[in-house]
């Protein structure tokens, strides 16, 4: 494994030579096409996105998806190494939103390095706190924000990914992000269209009034 690829992990430069060699010999690159399942609870190891975008999500008891966060180039997925984390059991799934390439440090190798490296252990604790904070933020959004506000916030986030106001996204995909059903999304988007916030066409949502969408995204439940 090319050492330069591992330098993307913040703790790598603080490892001793033995620890570095252990990671170099075990780390592997993996390529996933758009829509492929990257992780489904099999504790594959610590993953860093080298190219593309991944989506981390959970499933409800009825099989409904809700997006927790996205992972882009340079981001690291910690929950895919959950078996290396003491006392952590969290069922998160990861799918490739675009064609993606990831660098994977197998869970066993990562666990051994954490046991000997203070830097790796500290990195893990920091990343764990960050990810759980994001999960709690999503929970707060679900509990305390109106559906129209959550939808507006998602559309604005998608616009950032698209780097423009035209989103190539289906109502079903939006529903999966928000943990709801397609029909609810379609009804609310139609309302947004009547209010002049968006323009709808098959597989496309165009944002017409970013300012009003931002105001709407901040609204809380009464």
N, C-alpha and C. Protein backbone atom coordinates (compact mmCIF):
# COMPACT_ATOMS: atom_id res chain seq x y z
N UNK A 1 0.84 -1.20 0.00
CA UNK A 1 0.00 0.00 0.00
C UNK A 1 0.88 1.25 0.00
N UNK A 2 0.57 2.19 -0.88
CA UNK A 2 1.28 3.46 -0.96
C UNK A 2 1.08 4.23 0.35
N UNK A 3 2.16 4.55 1.02
CA UNK A 3 2.07 5.22 2.32
C UNK A 3 1.36 6.56 2.20
N UNK A 4 1.47 7.24 1.08
CA UNK A 4 0.86 8.56 0.94
C UNK A 4 -0.66 8.51 1.11
N UNK A 5 -1.27 7.38 0.75
CA UNK A 5 -2.72 7.26 0.90
C UNK A 5 -3.12 7.21 2.38
N UNK A 6 -2.30 6.57 3.19
CA UNK A 6 -2.61 6.45 4.62
C UNK A 6 -2.42 7.76 5.37
N UNK A 7 -1.68 8.69 4.79
CA UNK A 7 -1.44 9.95 5.47
C UNK A 7 -2.70 10.78 5.60
N UNK A 8 -3.76 10.39 4.90
CA UNK A 8 -5.04 11.07 5.05
C UNK A 8 -5.66 10.85 6.41
N UNK A 9 -5.29 9.76 7.09
CA UNK A 9 -5.75 9.52 8.45
C UNK A 9 -4.92 10.40 9.39
N UNK A 10 -5.58 11.25 10.17
CA UNK A 10 -4.89 12.27 10.96
C UNK A 10 -3.87 11.70 11.94
N UNK A 11 -4.08 10.48 12.40
CA UNK A 11 -3.20 9.90 13.41
C UNK A 11 -1.97 9.22 12.81
N UNK A 12 -1.96 9.00 11.51
CA UNK A 12 -0.92 8.17 10.90
C UNK A 12 0.50 8.70 11.14
N UNK A 13 0.67 10.00 11.04
CA UNK A 13 2.00 10.58 11.20
C UNK A 13 2.57 10.41 12.60
N UNK A 14 1.74 10.08 13.59
CA UNK A 14 2.19 9.93 14.97
C UNK A 14 2.43 8.47 15.36
N UNK A 15 2.29 7.56 14.40
CA UNK A 15 2.53 6.15 14.67
C UNK A 15 4.02 5.84 14.60
N UNK A 16 4.44 4.77 15.30
CA UNK A 16 5.82 4.32 15.15
C UNK A 16 5.94 3.48 13.88
N UNK A 17 7.16 3.12 13.53
CA UNK A 17 7.39 2.43 12.26
C UNK A 17 6.67 1.08 12.20
N UNK A 18 6.67 0.36 13.31
CA UNK A 18 6.00 -0.94 13.34
C UNK A 18 4.51 -0.81 13.07
N UNK A 19 3.89 0.20 13.68
CA UNK A 19 2.46 0.43 13.48
C UNK A 19 2.16 0.86 12.05
N UNK A 20 3.04 1.70 11.48
CA UNK A 20 2.86 2.14 10.10
C UNK A 20 2.94 0.96 9.13
N UNK A 21 3.93 0.10 9.35
CA UNK A 21 4.10 -1.07 8.47
C UNK A 21 2.89 -1.98 8.56
N UNK A 22 2.34 -2.13 9.77
CA UNK A 22 1.17 -2.99 9.96
C UNK A 22 -0.02 -2.48 9.14
N UNK A 23 -0.20 -1.16 9.13
CA UNK A 23 -1.32 -0.59 8.36
C UNK A 23 -1.04 -0.65 6.86
N UNK A 24 0.20 -0.39 6.48
CA UNK A 24 0.55 -0.45 5.06
C UNK A 24 0.31 -1.83 4.48
N UNK A 25 0.58 -2.87 5.27
CA UNK A 25 0.44 -4.24 4.77
C UNK A 25 -1.01 -4.71 4.76
N UNK A 26 -1.87 -4.06 5.53
CA UNK A 26 -3.26 -4.53 5.64
C UNK A 26 -4.27 -3.67 4.89
N UNK A 27 -3.98 -2.38 4.71
CA UNK A 27 -4.94 -1.47 4.08
C UNK A 27 -5.13 -1.80 2.60
N UNK A 28 -6.35 -1.64 2.13
CA UNK A 28 -6.69 -1.92 0.74
C UNK A 28 -7.66 -0.87 0.20
N UNK A 29 -7.58 -0.64 -1.11
CA UNK A 29 -8.53 0.24 -1.77
C UNK A 29 -9.68 -0.60 -2.34
N UNK A 30 -10.88 -0.02 -2.29
CA UNK A 30 -12.07 -0.70 -2.84
C UNK A 30 -12.85 0.31 -3.66
N UNK A 31 -13.40 -0.16 -4.76
CA UNK A 31 -14.19 0.70 -5.66
C UNK A 31 -15.64 0.24 -5.64
N UNK A 32 -16.56 1.20 -5.56
CA UNK A 32 -17.99 0.89 -5.52
C UNK A 32 -18.72 1.72 -6.57
N UNK A 33 -19.58 1.11 -7.36
CA UNK A 33 -20.39 1.88 -8.31
C UNK A 33 -21.53 2.60 -7.58
N UNK A 34 -22.08 3.60 -8.21
CA UNK A 34 -23.20 4.32 -7.63
C UNK A 34 -24.33 3.37 -7.26
N UNK A 35 -24.85 3.51 -6.04
CA UNK A 35 -25.95 2.69 -5.58
C UNK A 35 -25.52 1.42 -4.86
N UNK A 36 -24.24 1.08 -4.89
CA UNK A 36 -23.76 -0.15 -4.26
C UNK A 36 -23.76 -0.01 -2.74
N UNK A 37 -24.03 -1.12 -2.06
CA UNK A 37 -23.94 -1.14 -0.60
C UNK A 37 -22.47 -1.26 -0.22
N UNK A 38 -21.98 -0.30 0.52
CA UNK A 38 -20.58 -0.27 0.94
C UNK A 38 -20.40 -0.99 2.26
N UNK A 39 -21.39 -0.84 3.14
CA UNK A 39 -21.29 -1.43 4.48
C UNK A 39 -22.69 -1.77 4.99
N UNK A 40 -22.85 -3.00 5.48
CA UNK A 40 -24.15 -3.43 6.02
C UNK A 40 -23.96 -4.16 7.35
N UNK A 41 -23.20 -3.55 8.24
CA UNK A 41 -23.08 -4.08 9.59
C UNK A 41 -22.10 -5.22 9.75
N UNK A 42 -21.22 -5.44 8.75
CA UNK A 42 -20.30 -6.57 8.83
C UNK A 42 -18.95 -6.21 9.46
N UNK A 43 -18.82 -5.02 10.01
CA UNK A 43 -17.62 -4.55 10.70
C UNK A 43 -16.39 -4.77 9.84
N UNK A 44 -16.37 -4.14 8.68
CA UNK A 44 -15.27 -4.33 7.74
C UNK A 44 -14.00 -3.60 8.17
N UNK A 45 -14.14 -2.44 8.78
CA UNK A 45 -12.96 -1.70 9.22
C UNK A 45 -13.13 -0.20 9.06
N UNK A 46 -12.06 0.54 9.28
CA UNK A 46 -12.10 2.00 9.18
C UNK A 46 -11.98 2.40 7.72
N UNK A 47 -12.94 3.18 7.23
CA UNK A 47 -12.96 3.56 5.82
C UNK A 47 -12.76 5.06 5.65
N UNK A 48 -11.93 5.41 4.68
CA UNK A 48 -11.76 6.80 4.30
C UNK A 48 -12.14 6.96 2.83
N UNK A 49 -12.95 7.97 2.54
CA UNK A 49 -13.39 8.21 1.17
C UNK A 49 -12.27 8.90 0.39
N UNK A 50 -11.87 8.28 -0.70
CA UNK A 50 -10.86 8.87 -1.58
C UNK A 50 -11.49 9.59 -2.76
N UNK A 51 -12.66 9.12 -3.16
CA UNK A 51 -13.34 9.70 -4.31
C UNK A 51 -14.84 9.42 -4.18
N UNK A 52 -15.66 10.39 -4.59
CA UNK A 52 -17.10 10.17 -4.59
C UNK A 52 -17.75 10.57 -3.27
N UNK A 53 -18.98 10.10 -3.08
CA UNK A 53 -19.75 10.44 -1.88
C UNK A 53 -20.51 9.21 -1.39
N UNK A 54 -20.47 8.98 -0.08
CA UNK A 54 -21.20 7.89 0.55
C UNK A 54 -22.31 8.45 1.43
N UNK A 55 -23.32 7.64 1.65
CA UNK A 55 -24.45 8.03 2.50
C UNK A 55 -24.59 7.02 3.64
N UNK A 56 -24.51 7.50 4.86
CA UNK A 56 -24.71 6.64 6.03
C UNK A 56 -26.16 6.78 6.49
N UNK A 57 -26.82 5.66 6.74
CA UNK A 57 -28.23 5.71 7.11
C UNK A 57 -28.58 4.58 8.07
N UNK A 58 -29.74 4.70 8.71
CA UNK A 58 -30.27 3.66 9.58
C UNK A 58 -31.62 3.22 9.02
N UNK A 59 -32.08 2.06 9.49
CA UNK A 59 -33.36 1.51 9.08
C UNK A 59 -34.31 1.45 10.28
N UNK A 60 -35.56 1.84 10.07
CA UNK A 60 -36.57 1.70 11.11
C UNK A 60 -37.05 0.26 11.18
N UNK A 61 -37.89 -0.03 12.14
CA UNK A 61 -38.43 -1.38 12.29
C UNK A 61 -39.24 -1.80 11.07
N UNK A 62 -39.76 -0.81 10.34
CA UNK A 62 -40.56 -1.11 9.15
C UNK A 62 -39.72 -1.10 7.88
N UNK A 63 -38.40 -0.92 8.04
CA UNK A 63 -37.51 -0.93 6.88
C UNK A 63 -37.36 0.41 6.19
N UNK A 64 -37.85 1.47 6.82
CA UNK A 64 -37.74 2.80 6.24
C UNK A 64 -36.36 3.38 6.54
N UNK A 65 -35.74 4.02 5.55
CA UNK A 65 -34.40 4.59 5.70
C UNK A 65 -34.48 6.03 6.19
N UNK A 66 -33.44 6.44 6.93
CA UNK A 66 -33.28 7.85 7.25
C UNK A 66 -31.79 8.17 7.24
N UNK A 67 -31.42 9.20 6.52
CA UNK A 67 -30.02 9.56 6.37
C UNK A 67 -29.46 10.18 7.65
N UNK A 68 -28.28 9.71 8.07
CA UNK A 68 -27.60 10.28 9.22
C UNK A 68 -26.62 11.35 8.78
N UNK A 69 -25.81 11.04 7.79
CA UNK A 69 -24.83 11.99 7.29
C UNK A 69 -24.27 11.50 5.97
N UNK A 70 -23.58 12.40 5.26
CA UNK A 70 -22.88 12.03 4.04
C UNK A 70 -21.38 12.06 4.29
N UNK A 71 -20.66 11.28 3.54
CA UNK A 71 -19.20 11.23 3.63
C UNK A 71 -18.62 11.55 2.26
N UNK A 72 -17.79 12.58 2.21
CA UNK A 72 -17.15 12.98 0.96
C UNK A 72 -15.64 12.75 1.05
N UNK A 73 -14.93 13.16 0.02
CA UNK A 73 -13.49 12.92 -0.04
C UNK A 73 -12.79 13.40 1.23
N UNK A 74 -12.00 12.50 1.83
CA UNK A 74 -11.27 12.82 3.05
C UNK A 74 -12.00 12.47 4.32
N UNK A 75 -13.32 12.24 4.23
CA UNK A 75 -14.10 11.87 5.41
C UNK A 75 -13.87 10.41 5.77
N UNK A 76 -14.01 10.11 7.06
CA UNK A 76 -13.76 8.76 7.56
C UNK A 76 -15.03 8.20 8.18
N UNK A 77 -15.33 6.94 7.87
CA UNK A 77 -16.48 6.23 8.44
C UNK A 77 -15.97 5.38 9.60
N UNK A 78 -16.41 5.72 10.82
CA UNK A 78 -15.96 5.01 12.02
C UNK A 78 -16.85 3.81 12.33
N UNK A 79 -18.16 3.94 12.12
CA UNK A 79 -19.07 2.88 12.52
C UNK A 79 -18.84 1.58 11.75
N UNK A 80 -18.19 1.67 10.60
CA UNK A 80 -17.86 0.45 9.85
C UNK A 80 -16.76 -0.35 10.55
N UNK A 81 -16.17 0.22 11.59
CA UNK A 81 -15.17 -0.49 12.40
C UNK A 81 -15.69 -0.69 13.82
N UNK A 82 -17.01 -0.83 13.96
CA UNK A 82 -17.64 -0.85 15.28
C UNK A 82 -17.15 -1.99 16.17
N UNK A 83 -16.78 -3.13 15.57
CA UNK A 83 -16.33 -4.26 16.40
C UNK A 83 -14.97 -3.99 17.04
N UNK A 84 -14.28 -2.97 16.55
CA UNK A 84 -12.99 -2.59 17.14
C UNK A 84 -13.18 -1.58 18.28
N UNK A 85 -14.43 -1.15 18.50
CA UNK A 85 -14.72 -0.14 19.52
C UNK A 85 -15.42 -0.80 20.69
N UNK A 86 -14.84 -0.69 21.84
CA UNK A 86 -15.37 -1.36 23.03
C UNK A 86 -16.74 -0.81 23.41
N UNK A 87 -17.73 -1.70 23.55
CA UNK A 87 -19.05 -1.32 24.02
C UNK A 87 -19.92 -0.61 23.01
N UNK A 88 -19.50 -0.56 21.74
CA UNK A 88 -20.28 0.14 20.72
C UNK A 88 -21.03 -0.86 19.87
N UNK A 89 -22.34 -0.66 19.79
CA UNK A 89 -23.17 -1.49 18.91
C UNK A 89 -24.18 -0.58 18.26
N UNK A 90 -23.97 -0.28 16.99
CA UNK A 90 -24.80 0.70 16.31
C UNK A 90 -25.00 0.25 14.88
N UNK A 91 -26.24 -0.03 14.51
CA UNK A 91 -26.52 -0.57 13.18
C UNK A 91 -26.66 0.56 12.16
N UNK A 92 -25.56 0.87 11.52
CA UNK A 92 -25.52 1.88 10.47
C UNK A 92 -25.20 1.19 9.15
N UNK A 93 -25.80 1.67 8.08
CA UNK A 93 -25.54 1.14 6.75
C UNK A 93 -24.97 2.27 5.89
N UNK A 94 -24.15 1.90 4.92
CA UNK A 94 -23.51 2.90 4.07
C UNK A 94 -23.68 2.49 2.61
N UNK A 95 -24.11 3.44 1.78
CA UNK A 95 -24.32 3.20 0.36
C UNK A 95 -23.56 4.27 -0.44
N UNK A 96 -23.10 3.90 -1.61
CA UNK A 96 -22.41 4.85 -2.49
C UNK A 96 -23.45 5.70 -3.22
N UNK A 97 -23.44 7.00 -2.96
CA UNK A 97 -24.36 7.90 -3.67
C UNK A 97 -23.85 8.22 -5.06
N UNK A 98 -22.55 8.15 -5.24
CA UNK A 98 -21.92 8.31 -6.55
C UNK A 98 -20.90 7.19 -6.69
N UNK A 99 -20.31 7.04 -7.87
CA UNK A 99 -19.19 6.12 -7.99
C UNK A 99 -18.14 6.54 -6.95
N UNK A 100 -17.61 5.58 -6.22
CA UNK A 100 -16.73 5.93 -5.10
C UNK A 100 -15.55 4.98 -4.98
N UNK A 101 -14.48 5.51 -4.40
CA UNK A 101 -13.31 4.69 -4.05
C UNK A 101 -12.97 4.97 -2.60
N UNK A 102 -12.78 3.91 -1.81
CA UNK A 102 -12.47 4.07 -0.40
C UNK A 102 -11.19 3.32 -0.04
N UNK A 103 -10.53 3.81 0.98
CA UNK A 103 -9.37 3.14 1.55
C UNK A 103 -9.83 2.49 2.85
N UNK A 104 -9.61 1.19 2.98
CA UNK A 104 -10.10 0.44 4.14
C UNK A 104 -8.94 -0.12 4.96
N UNK A 105 -8.95 0.20 6.27
CA UNK A 105 -8.06 -0.44 7.23
C UNK A 105 -8.89 -1.50 7.94
N UNK A 106 -8.61 -2.79 7.75
CA UNK A 106 -9.41 -3.84 8.37
C UNK A 106 -9.55 -3.65 9.89
N UNK A 107 -10.69 -4.07 10.43
CA UNK A 107 -10.99 -3.83 11.84
C UNK A 107 -9.94 -4.42 12.78
N UNK A 108 -9.47 -5.63 12.49
CA UNK A 108 -8.47 -6.26 13.37
C UNK A 108 -7.19 -5.44 13.41
N UNK A 109 -6.73 -4.99 12.24
CA UNK A 109 -5.50 -4.20 12.18
C UNK A 109 -5.66 -2.87 12.90
N UNK A 110 -6.81 -2.25 12.71
CA UNK A 110 -7.06 -0.96 13.36
C UNK A 110 -7.14 -1.12 14.87
N UNK A 111 -7.77 -2.18 15.32
CA UNK A 111 -7.90 -2.42 16.76
C UNK A 111 -6.52 -2.58 17.41
N UNK A 112 -5.62 -3.31 16.75
CA UNK A 112 -4.28 -3.52 17.29
C UNK A 112 -3.51 -2.20 17.40
N UNK A 113 -3.66 -1.35 16.40
CA UNK A 113 -2.97 -0.07 16.44
C UNK A 113 -3.54 0.80 17.56
N UNK A 114 -4.85 0.79 17.75
CA UNK A 114 -5.45 1.57 18.83
C UNK A 114 -4.94 1.13 20.20
N UNK A 115 -4.65 -0.15 20.34
CA UNK A 115 -4.19 -0.67 21.62
C UNK A 115 -2.78 -0.21 21.98
N UNK A 116 -2.00 0.18 20.97
CA UNK A 116 -0.62 0.59 21.22
C UNK A 116 -0.36 2.06 20.97
N UNK A 117 -1.25 2.72 20.25
CA UNK A 117 -1.02 4.12 19.88
C UNK A 117 -2.02 5.04 20.58
N UNK A 118 -1.50 5.95 21.38
CA UNK A 118 -2.35 6.95 22.04
C UNK A 118 -3.00 7.85 20.99
N UNK A 119 -2.25 8.19 19.94
CA UNK A 119 -2.77 9.08 18.90
C UNK A 119 -3.97 8.45 18.19
N UNK A 120 -3.87 7.16 17.86
CA UNK A 120 -4.97 6.47 17.19
C UNK A 120 -6.19 6.37 18.10
N UNK A 121 -5.97 6.10 19.38
CA UNK A 121 -7.08 6.00 20.33
C UNK A 121 -7.76 7.35 20.50
N UNK A 122 -6.97 8.42 20.59
CA UNK A 122 -7.54 9.76 20.74
C UNK A 122 -8.32 10.15 19.49
N UNK A 123 -7.78 9.81 18.33
CA UNK A 123 -8.47 10.09 17.06
C UNK A 123 -9.83 9.38 17.04
N UNK A 124 -9.84 8.12 17.47
CA UNK A 124 -11.07 7.34 17.48
C UNK A 124 -12.11 7.99 18.39
N UNK A 125 -11.70 8.40 19.59
CA UNK A 125 -12.63 9.02 20.53
C UNK A 125 -13.19 10.32 19.98
N UNK A 126 -12.33 11.11 19.33
CA UNK A 126 -12.77 12.38 18.76
C UNK A 126 -13.76 12.16 17.62
N UNK A 127 -13.45 11.19 16.76
CA UNK A 127 -14.33 10.90 15.63
C UNK A 127 -15.65 10.31 16.12
N UNK A 128 -15.59 9.48 17.15
CA UNK A 128 -16.81 8.89 17.70
C UNK A 128 -17.73 9.98 18.25
N UNK A 129 -17.14 10.94 18.98
CA UNK A 129 -17.94 12.03 19.54
C UNK A 129 -18.58 12.86 18.43
N UNK A 130 -17.82 13.10 17.37
CA UNK A 130 -18.33 13.88 16.24
C UNK A 130 -19.49 13.17 15.56
N UNK A 131 -19.35 11.86 15.33
CA UNK A 131 -20.40 11.12 14.64
C UNK A 131 -21.65 11.00 15.50
N UNK A 132 -21.49 10.74 16.80
CA UNK A 132 -22.66 10.65 17.67
C UNK A 132 -23.35 12.00 17.79
N UNK A 133 -22.57 13.06 17.75
CA UNK A 133 -23.15 14.39 17.78
C UNK A 133 -24.02 14.61 16.55
N UNK A 134 -23.55 14.11 15.41
CA UNK A 134 -24.32 14.24 14.17
C UNK A 134 -25.60 13.41 14.25
N UNK A 135 -25.51 12.22 14.81
CA UNK A 135 -26.69 11.37 14.96
C UNK A 135 -27.72 12.04 15.86
N UNK A 136 -27.26 12.63 16.97
CA UNK A 136 -28.18 13.31 17.88
C UNK A 136 -28.80 14.54 17.21
N UNK A 137 -28.03 15.20 16.33
CA UNK A 137 -28.58 16.35 15.59
C UNK A 137 -29.72 15.90 14.69
N UNK A 138 -29.53 14.78 14.02
CA UNK A 138 -30.59 14.25 13.15
C UNK A 138 -31.83 13.91 13.98
N UNK A 139 -31.62 13.28 15.14
CA UNK A 139 -32.74 12.95 16.01
C UNK A 139 -33.49 14.21 16.44
N UNK A 140 -32.76 15.25 16.77
CA UNK A 140 -33.37 16.52 17.16
C UNK A 140 -34.17 17.11 16.00
N UNK A 141 -33.61 17.00 14.79
CA UNK A 141 -34.32 17.49 13.61
C UNK A 141 -35.66 16.77 13.44
N UNK A 142 -35.64 15.45 13.59
CA UNK A 142 -36.84 14.65 13.41
C UNK A 142 -37.89 15.00 14.47
N UNK A 143 -37.44 15.20 15.71
CA UNK A 143 -38.37 15.43 16.80
C UNK A 143 -38.89 16.86 16.87
N UNK A 144 -38.04 17.81 16.50
CA UNK A 144 -38.37 19.21 16.76
C UNK A 144 -38.60 20.09 15.54
N UNK A 145 -38.35 19.57 14.35
CA UNK A 145 -38.58 20.38 13.16
C UNK A 145 -39.79 19.88 12.38
N UNK A 146 -40.52 20.82 11.83
CA UNK A 146 -41.64 20.47 10.97
C UNK A 146 -41.11 19.81 9.70
N UNK A 147 -41.95 19.01 9.07
CA UNK A 147 -41.54 18.28 7.88
C UNK A 147 -41.13 19.23 6.75
N UNK A 148 -41.87 20.32 6.58
CA UNK A 148 -41.52 21.25 5.50
C UNK A 148 -40.16 21.89 5.74
N UNK A 149 -39.82 22.13 7.00
CA UNK A 149 -38.51 22.70 7.32
C UNK A 149 -37.39 21.70 7.05
N UNK A 150 -37.62 20.45 7.39
CA UNK A 150 -36.62 19.42 7.13
C UNK A 150 -36.42 19.23 5.63
N UNK A 151 -37.51 19.27 4.88
CA UNK A 151 -37.41 19.13 3.43
C UNK A 151 -36.65 20.31 2.82
N UNK A 152 -36.94 21.51 3.29
CA UNK A 152 -36.24 22.69 2.78
C UNK A 152 -34.74 22.59 3.07
N UNK A 153 -34.39 22.14 4.27
CA UNK A 153 -32.99 21.99 4.65
C UNK A 153 -32.28 20.97 3.77
N UNK A 154 -32.97 19.87 3.48
CA UNK A 154 -32.38 18.84 2.62
C UNK A 154 -32.16 19.36 1.21
N UNK A 155 -33.12 20.07 0.67
CA UNK A 155 -32.97 20.62 -0.68
C UNK A 155 -31.78 21.57 -0.76
N UNK A 156 -31.59 22.36 0.27
CA UNK A 156 -30.45 23.28 0.29
C UNK A 156 -29.13 22.52 0.38
N UNK A 157 -29.13 21.45 1.15
CA UNK A 157 -27.91 20.62 1.24
C UNK A 157 -27.60 19.98 -0.11
N UNK A 158 -28.63 19.48 -0.77
CA UNK A 158 -28.44 18.87 -2.08
C UNK A 158 -27.93 19.89 -3.09
N UNK A 159 -28.37 21.14 -2.96
CA UNK A 159 -27.90 22.19 -3.86
C UNK A 159 -26.40 22.42 -3.66
N UNK A 160 -25.93 22.30 -2.43
CA UNK A 160 -24.49 22.44 -2.17
C UNK A 160 -23.72 21.32 -2.85
N UNK A 161 -24.24 20.09 -2.76
CA UNK A 161 -23.58 18.97 -3.43
C UNK A 161 -23.58 19.16 -4.94
N UNK A 162 -24.71 19.65 -5.47
CA UNK A 162 -24.86 19.82 -6.92
C UNK A 162 -24.13 21.07 -7.44
N UNK A 163 -23.76 21.95 -6.50
CA UNK A 163 -23.13 23.23 -6.87
C UNK A 163 -24.00 24.01 -7.86
N UNK A 164 -25.29 24.00 -7.57
CA UNK A 164 -26.24 24.72 -8.42
C UNK A 164 -27.64 24.57 -7.89
N UNK A 165 -28.61 25.15 -8.61
CA UNK A 165 -29.99 25.13 -8.12
C UNK A 165 -30.83 24.01 -8.73
N UNK A 166 -30.24 23.19 -9.60
CA UNK A 166 -30.98 22.10 -10.23
C UNK A 166 -30.53 20.77 -9.66
N UNK A 167 -31.46 20.05 -9.04
CA UNK A 167 -31.14 18.79 -8.35
C UNK A 167 -31.69 17.61 -9.15
N UNK A 168 -30.83 16.69 -9.50
CA UNK A 168 -31.27 15.46 -10.15
C UNK A 168 -31.54 14.43 -9.07
N UNK A 169 -32.75 14.49 -8.53
CA UNK A 169 -33.11 13.64 -7.41
C UNK A 169 -34.59 13.30 -7.49
N UNK A 170 -34.95 12.08 -7.15
CA UNK A 170 -36.35 11.65 -7.21
C UNK A 170 -37.03 11.86 -5.86
N UNK A 171 -38.35 11.86 -5.88
CA UNK A 171 -39.11 11.98 -4.65
C UNK A 171 -38.83 10.79 -3.73
N UNK A 172 -38.61 9.64 -4.30
CA UNK A 172 -38.30 8.44 -3.51
C UNK A 172 -36.95 8.59 -2.80
N UNK A 173 -35.97 9.15 -3.47
CA UNK A 173 -34.66 9.37 -2.85
C UNK A 173 -34.76 10.37 -1.71
N UNK A 174 -35.54 11.42 -1.91
CA UNK A 174 -35.74 12.41 -0.85
C UNK A 174 -36.41 11.76 0.35
N UNK A 175 -37.41 10.92 0.10
CA UNK A 175 -38.10 10.23 1.19
C UNK A 175 -37.15 9.37 1.99
N UNK A 176 -36.21 8.71 1.31
CA UNK A 176 -35.24 7.86 2.00
C UNK A 176 -34.33 8.69 2.90
N UNK A 177 -33.96 9.86 2.45
CA UNK A 177 -33.12 10.73 3.29
C UNK A 177 -33.86 11.16 4.56
N UNK A 178 -35.14 11.44 4.42
CA UNK A 178 -35.90 12.02 5.52
C UNK A 178 -36.64 10.99 6.36
N UNK A 179 -36.61 9.74 5.96
CA UNK A 179 -37.28 8.70 6.74
C UNK A 179 -38.79 8.76 6.66
N UNK A 180 -39.30 9.10 5.47
CA UNK A 180 -40.74 9.19 5.29
C UNK A 180 -41.13 8.46 4.01
N UNK A 181 -42.35 8.66 3.55
CA UNK A 181 -42.84 7.97 2.36
C UNK A 181 -42.85 8.94 1.18
N UNK A 182 -42.76 8.37 -0.03
CA UNK A 182 -42.68 9.19 -1.24
C UNK A 182 -43.89 10.11 -1.38
N UNK A 183 -45.08 9.61 -1.03
CA UNK A 183 -46.30 10.40 -1.19
C UNK A 183 -46.24 11.69 -0.38
N UNK A 184 -45.68 11.61 0.84
CA UNK A 184 -45.57 12.81 1.69
C UNK A 184 -44.63 13.82 1.06
N UNK A 185 -43.53 13.34 0.49
CA UNK A 185 -42.59 14.22 -0.17
C UNK A 185 -43.24 14.88 -1.38
N UNK A 186 -43.94 14.10 -2.18
CA UNK A 186 -44.58 14.64 -3.38
C UNK A 186 -45.59 15.73 -3.04
N UNK A 187 -46.38 15.50 -1.97
CA UNK A 187 -47.38 16.50 -1.57
C UNK A 187 -46.70 17.80 -1.14
N UNK A 188 -45.63 17.67 -0.35
CA UNK A 188 -44.97 18.88 0.13
C UNK A 188 -44.24 19.61 -0.99
N UNK A 189 -43.64 18.87 -1.92
CA UNK A 189 -42.98 19.52 -3.05
C UNK A 189 -43.99 20.25 -3.93
N UNK A 190 -45.16 19.66 -4.09
CA UNK A 190 -46.20 20.33 -4.86
C UNK A 190 -46.60 21.64 -4.17
N UNK A 191 -46.67 21.60 -2.85
CA UNK A 191 -46.97 22.83 -2.09
C UNK A 191 -45.85 23.85 -2.30
N UNK A 192 -44.59 23.40 -2.22
CA UNK A 192 -43.46 24.29 -2.46
C UNK A 192 -43.55 24.91 -3.85
N UNK A 193 -43.98 24.10 -4.82
CA UNK A 193 -44.09 24.60 -6.19
C UNK A 193 -45.18 25.67 -6.29
N UNK A 194 -46.29 25.44 -5.64
CA UNK A 194 -47.37 26.43 -5.66
C UNK A 194 -46.93 27.74 -5.00
N UNK A 195 -46.05 27.64 -4.01
CA UNK A 195 -45.56 28.83 -3.30
C UNK A 195 -44.40 29.50 -4.03
N UNK A 196 -43.98 28.93 -5.16
CA UNK A 196 -42.91 29.54 -5.94
C UNK A 196 -41.51 29.26 -5.43
N UNK A 197 -41.39 28.24 -4.56
CA UNK A 197 -40.08 27.92 -3.99
C UNK A 197 -39.27 27.00 -4.91
N UNK A 198 -39.96 26.12 -5.63
CA UNK A 198 -39.28 25.15 -6.49
C UNK A 198 -40.06 24.99 -7.79
N UNK A 199 -39.40 24.37 -8.75
CA UNK A 199 -40.04 23.96 -9.99
C UNK A 199 -39.76 22.47 -10.16
N UNK A 200 -40.80 21.70 -10.48
CA UNK A 200 -40.67 20.24 -10.54
C UNK A 200 -40.78 19.73 -11.95
N UNK A 201 -39.95 18.74 -12.25
CA UNK A 201 -40.08 17.96 -13.47
C UNK A 201 -39.61 16.55 -13.15
N UNK A 202 -39.78 15.62 -14.05
CA UNK A 202 -39.48 14.22 -13.76
C UNK A 202 -38.01 14.04 -13.37
N UNK A 203 -37.79 13.57 -12.15
CA UNK A 203 -36.44 13.30 -11.66
C UNK A 203 -35.61 14.53 -11.36
N UNK A 204 -36.27 15.71 -11.36
CA UNK A 204 -35.53 16.96 -11.16
C UNK A 204 -36.32 17.91 -10.27
N UNK A 205 -35.61 18.57 -9.38
CA UNK A 205 -36.18 19.65 -8.57
C UNK A 205 -35.28 20.86 -8.76
N UNK A 206 -35.87 21.96 -9.21
CA UNK A 206 -35.10 23.20 -9.38
C UNK A 206 -35.52 24.17 -8.29
N UNK A 207 -34.53 24.70 -7.57
CA UNK A 207 -34.80 25.63 -6.49
C UNK A 207 -34.91 27.04 -7.05
N UNK A 208 -36.05 27.69 -6.78
CA UNK A 208 -36.31 29.01 -7.35
C UNK A 208 -36.08 30.14 -6.36
N UNK A 209 -36.28 29.86 -5.06
CA UNK A 209 -36.17 30.92 -4.05
C UNK A 209 -35.35 30.40 -2.87
N UNK A 210 -34.04 30.52 -2.98
CA UNK A 210 -33.12 30.02 -1.95
C UNK A 210 -33.34 30.74 -0.61
N UNK A 211 -33.59 32.05 -0.66
CA UNK A 211 -33.74 32.82 0.57
C UNK A 211 -34.92 32.34 1.39
N UNK A 212 -36.07 32.14 0.74
CA UNK A 212 -37.25 31.67 1.47
C UNK A 212 -37.06 30.24 1.95
N UNK A 213 -36.36 29.43 1.18
CA UNK A 213 -36.09 28.06 1.63
C UNK A 213 -35.20 28.07 2.88
N UNK A 214 -34.24 28.98 2.93
CA UNK A 214 -33.38 29.08 4.12
C UNK A 214 -34.18 29.50 5.34
N UNK A 215 -35.09 30.45 5.16
CA UNK A 215 -35.94 30.86 6.27
C UNK A 215 -36.82 29.71 6.75
N UNK A 216 -37.39 28.99 5.80
CA UNK A 216 -38.24 27.86 6.14
C UNK A 216 -37.46 26.76 6.86
N UNK A 217 -36.23 26.55 6.44
CA UNK A 217 -35.42 25.48 7.03
C UNK A 217 -35.11 25.72 8.50
N UNK A 218 -35.22 26.96 8.95
CA UNK A 218 -34.92 27.30 10.35
C UNK A 218 -36.11 27.14 11.28
N UNK A 219 -37.30 26.95 10.73
CA UNK A 219 -38.50 26.90 11.55
C UNK A 219 -38.55 25.65 12.42
N UNK A 220 -39.03 25.81 13.63
CA UNK A 220 -39.18 24.70 14.57
C UNK A 220 -40.67 24.36 14.71
N UNK A 221 -40.94 23.20 15.29
CA UNK A 221 -42.33 22.84 15.59
C UNK A 221 -42.87 23.78 16.66
N UNK A 222 -44.17 24.01 16.60
CA UNK A 222 -44.81 24.86 17.62
C UNK A 222 -44.93 24.11 18.94
